Every structure is written in C-alpha cells, then in structure tokens.
Amino acid sequence: MIRKAKSSDSTQLAELFSQLHRHHCEIAPQKHRMPSYEFFERGIEEILSDDEQTVLVNCDENENKINAYAVFKIIDINSEPKTPRRVCFIDCFSVAEGARRKGVGSLLFDAVKELGREQGCNAVQLGVDAENSGAIKFYEKMGLSPRTLILTEQI
C-alpha cells in the first residue's frame, strides 16, 4: 500500500534513513561517515514539516510496517539560459533491507512518477553515488538514464 507519510511514521522513517546512509558509508567511505542516530531523527522531522517536500511510503496492508519511502519535491526550472521545465526531484529513496527485490521499490517509484505527472512534471530526476551499482541498475530499470556526470579524482 502506498500513502503519504504521517508524523507517526517518523521512527520507522529514521531507521530506514539510517539503513540507507549506513549502506552509503560501506560503499563510499571516502564520501560518507555515519552520524549519530539523532541526525536521522532530526532530518526526518524536518522533512515531514517541510511543505515543499512530499514523502510517500510503501507499507504493509495493516500500515504497521514501512517497507520503503521516497522524499521528493517539484522544481520549476525557468531561467533564461535553460529550457523551461518542471521536474520531480527525488531527494531520497530507500527500501528496507528485508524488502528489497520484492517489487516494493518499483511500486513506490511508479507512484512518485504518477504524482509528478499529475503535478505537470515532464521529468523525474535524482542523484546516485557512482559506487551504488545496485541502485543504478534499479533506476535504469525504472527508465532513468544519466543526464549529467560529475567526474572526480581523489588527491
């Protein structure tokens, strides 16, 4: 079941946020470090109170357990050198470790795209660490392709 997140979801969302960040720390320790758990709790509280952002969750039938969540916002791009467009920008997308490869993420991603379409978006966009090969494969399966590459060298 897909629904908008509620404030009562904050504990489960903070745990999923922590799982996602722990994964980032494992695959890219040169970019990520693990903050205190309070960081995740505060972060989720801020996101849920921000009217500019939407949080969708995929939960079980009884709405007791959240299996995945997505945080996104609608961005209007309309500056002189850019082609005007409306983008559904996904800031965070996480599937619980025990719920992966069961279609949970695909259902949630499709719901995000549908909400974006309903709000007049012509694209969905996100950033992903180059080291996160599993996420890249998932996003490619969802229809995304690279738009901009940021190249780096550790010095």
Protein backbone atom coordinates (compact mmCIF):
# COMPACT_ATOMS: atom_id res chain seq x y z
CA MET A 1 0.00 0.00 0.00
CA ILE A 2 1.33 3.45 -0.99
CA ARG A 3 0.36 6.52 1.03
CA LYS A 4 1.69 9.87 2.18
CA ALA A 5 3.81 9.69 5.31
CA LYS A 6 2.41 10.79 8.66
CA SER A 7 4.25 12.23 11.65
CA SER A 8 3.63 8.93 13.46
CA ASP A 9 5.90 7.27 10.83
CA SER A 10 8.95 9.25 11.93
CA THR A 11 10.61 6.47 13.98
CA GLN A 12 10.41 3.93 11.15
CA LEU A 13 11.49 6.52 8.59
CA ALA A 14 14.52 7.49 10.69
CA GLU A 15 15.51 3.81 10.86
CA LEU A 16 15.25 3.43 7.06
CA PHE A 17 17.17 6.69 6.59
CA SER A 18 19.88 5.28 8.87
CA GLN A 19 19.98 1.97 6.93
CA LEU A 20 20.38 3.85 3.65
CA HIS A 21 23.16 6.03 4.99
CA ARG A 22 24.96 3.05 6.54
CA HIS A 23 24.93 1.46 3.06
CA HIS A 24 26.41 4.64 1.58
CA CYS A 25 29.15 4.58 4.23
CA GLU A 26 30.01 1.00 3.31
CA ILE A 27 30.21 1.54 -0.46
CA ALA A 28 31.76 5.03 -0.44
CA PRO A 29 33.60 5.70 2.85
CA GLN A 30 35.60 8.44 1.15
CA LYS A 31 32.34 10.46 0.84
CA HIS A 32 30.17 9.37 3.77
CA ARG A 33 30.50 8.91 7.51
CA MET A 34 27.92 7.68 9.99
CA PRO A 35 26.43 10.46 12.12
CA SER A 36 24.59 9.99 15.40
CA TYR A 37 21.12 8.46 15.28
CA GLU A 38 19.68 11.83 16.35
CA PHE A 39 20.79 13.19 12.97
CA PHE A 40 18.34 10.85 11.25
CA GLU A 41 15.52 11.63 13.67
CA ARG A 42 16.01 15.39 13.22
CA GLY A 43 16.32 15.00 9.47
CA ILE A 44 13.03 13.11 9.17
CA GLU A 45 11.25 15.61 11.42
CA GLU A 46 12.48 18.48 9.22
CA ILE A 47 11.44 16.71 6.03
CA LEU A 48 7.96 15.90 7.35
CA SER A 49 7.42 19.52 8.41
CA ASP A 50 8.60 20.97 5.07
CA ASP A 51 5.62 21.85 2.86
CA GLU A 52 7.86 21.87 -0.22
CA GLN A 53 8.64 18.16 0.10
CA THR A 54 6.42 15.11 -0.23
CA VAL A 55 7.12 11.79 1.47
CA LEU A 56 5.46 8.65 0.15
CA VAL A 57 5.73 5.32 1.92
CA ASN A 58 5.13 1.73 0.87
CA CYS A 59 3.75 -0.11 3.87
CA ASP A 60 2.13 -3.44 4.64
CA GLU A 61 -1.65 -3.93 4.46
CA ASN A 62 -2.12 -3.03 8.14
CA GLU A 63 0.06 0.10 7.75
CA ASN A 64 2.18 -1.15 10.66
CA LYS A 65 5.46 -1.65 8.84
CA ILE A 66 7.02 0.76 6.33
CA ASN A 67 8.95 -1.11 3.65
CA ALA A 68 10.20 1.88 1.65
CA TYR A 69 9.98 5.64 1.39
CA ALA A 70 10.66 8.39 -1.12
CA VAL A 71 11.22 12.08 -0.47
CA PHE A 72 10.71 14.38 -3.43
CA LYS A 73 9.85 17.91 -4.44
CA ILE A 74 8.62 19.61 -7.56
CA ILE A 75 11.11 22.07 -9.05
CA ASP A 76 10.26 24.63 -11.71
CA ILE A 77 13.25 25.45 -13.89
CA ASN A 78 12.73 28.64 -15.84
CA SER A 79 15.87 30.71 -16.19
CA GLU A 80 16.95 32.50 -19.34
CA PRO A 81 19.62 30.01 -20.49
CA LYS A 82 17.58 26.90 -19.64
CA THR A 83 14.63 25.29 -21.36
CA PRO A 84 11.63 25.76 -19.05
CA ARG A 85 10.57 22.53 -17.42
CA ARG A 86 9.03 21.08 -14.28
CA VAL A 87 10.99 18.31 -12.58
CA CYS A 88 10.01 15.82 -9.90
CA PHE A 89 13.31 15.66 -7.98
CA ILE A 90 13.75 12.64 -5.71
CA ASP A 91 15.96 13.63 -2.81
CA CYS A 92 15.89 10.28 -1.01
CA PHE A 93 14.65 6.81 -1.98
CA SER A 94 15.09 3.88 0.37
CA VAL A 95 13.84 0.30 0.55
CA ALA A 96 14.23 -1.65 3.80
CA GLU A 97 16.93 -4.29 3.67
CA GLY A 98 14.42 -7.13 4.15
CA ALA A 99 12.03 -5.80 1.48
CA ARG A 100 14.42 -5.49 -1.46
CA ARG A 101 13.85 -7.40 -4.71
CA LYS A 102 10.17 -7.93 -3.94
CA GLY A 103 8.65 -5.18 -6.13
CA VAL A 104 8.27 -2.73 -3.25
CA GLY A 105 10.63 -0.16 -4.74
CA SER A 106 9.11 -0.41 -8.22
CA LEU A 107 5.60 0.25 -6.87
CA LEU A 108 6.82 3.24 -4.89
CA PHE A 109 8.83 4.65 -7.80
CA ASP A 110 5.83 4.34 -10.11
CA ALA A 111 3.69 6.21 -7.54
CA VAL A 112 6.25 9.03 -7.38
CA LYS A 113 6.28 9.32 -11.18
CA GLU A 114 2.49 9.36 -11.29
CA LEU A 115 2.28 12.16 -8.71
CA GLY A 116 4.89 14.06 -10.70
CA ARG A 117 2.85 13.67 -13.88
CA GLU A 118 -0.28 14.84 -12.06
CA GLN A 119 1.60 17.98 -10.98
CA GLY A 120 2.71 18.75 -14.53
CA CYS A 121 6.25 17.39 -14.39
CA ASN A 122 7.93 16.32 -17.59
CA ALA A 123 10.84 14.51 -15.89
CA VAL A 124 11.82 12.67 -12.75
CA GLN A 125 15.37 13.21 -11.59
CA LEU A 126 17.71 12.15 -8.77
CA GLY A 127 21.34 11.79 -7.82
CA VAL A 128 23.01 8.47 -7.02
CA ASP A 129 26.54 7.61 -5.92
CA ALA A 130 28.53 6.09 -8.78
CA GLU A 131 29.58 3.28 -6.39
CA ASN A 132 25.97 2.28 -5.77
CA SER A 133 25.69 -0.20 -8.64
CA GLY A 134 22.55 -1.87 -7.26
CA ALA A 135 20.68 1.44 -7.11
CA ILE A 136 21.90 2.42 -10.57
CA LYS A 137 20.57 -0.85 -12.02
CA PHE A 138 17.24 -0.29 -10.26
CA TYR A 139 16.90 3.28 -11.56
CA GLU A 140 17.81 2.19 -15.09
CA LYS A 141 15.12 -0.49 -14.83
CA MET A 142 12.69 2.30 -13.82
CA GLY A 143 13.56 4.14 -17.05
CA LEU A 144 16.14 6.68 -15.87
CA SER A 145 19.33 7.42 -17.76
CA PRO A 146 22.34 9.65 -17.00
CA ARG A 147 21.90 13.35 -17.67
CA THR A 148 24.98 14.90 -16.10
CA LEU A 149 28.13 13.21 -14.85
CA ILE A 150 30.34 14.69 -12.16
CA LEU A 151 33.88 13.42 -12.53
CA THR A 152 36.32 13.41 -9.62
CA GLU A 153 39.79 12.34 -8.59
CA GLN A 154 40.95 11.90 -5.00
CA ILE A 155 44.10 13.95 -4.39
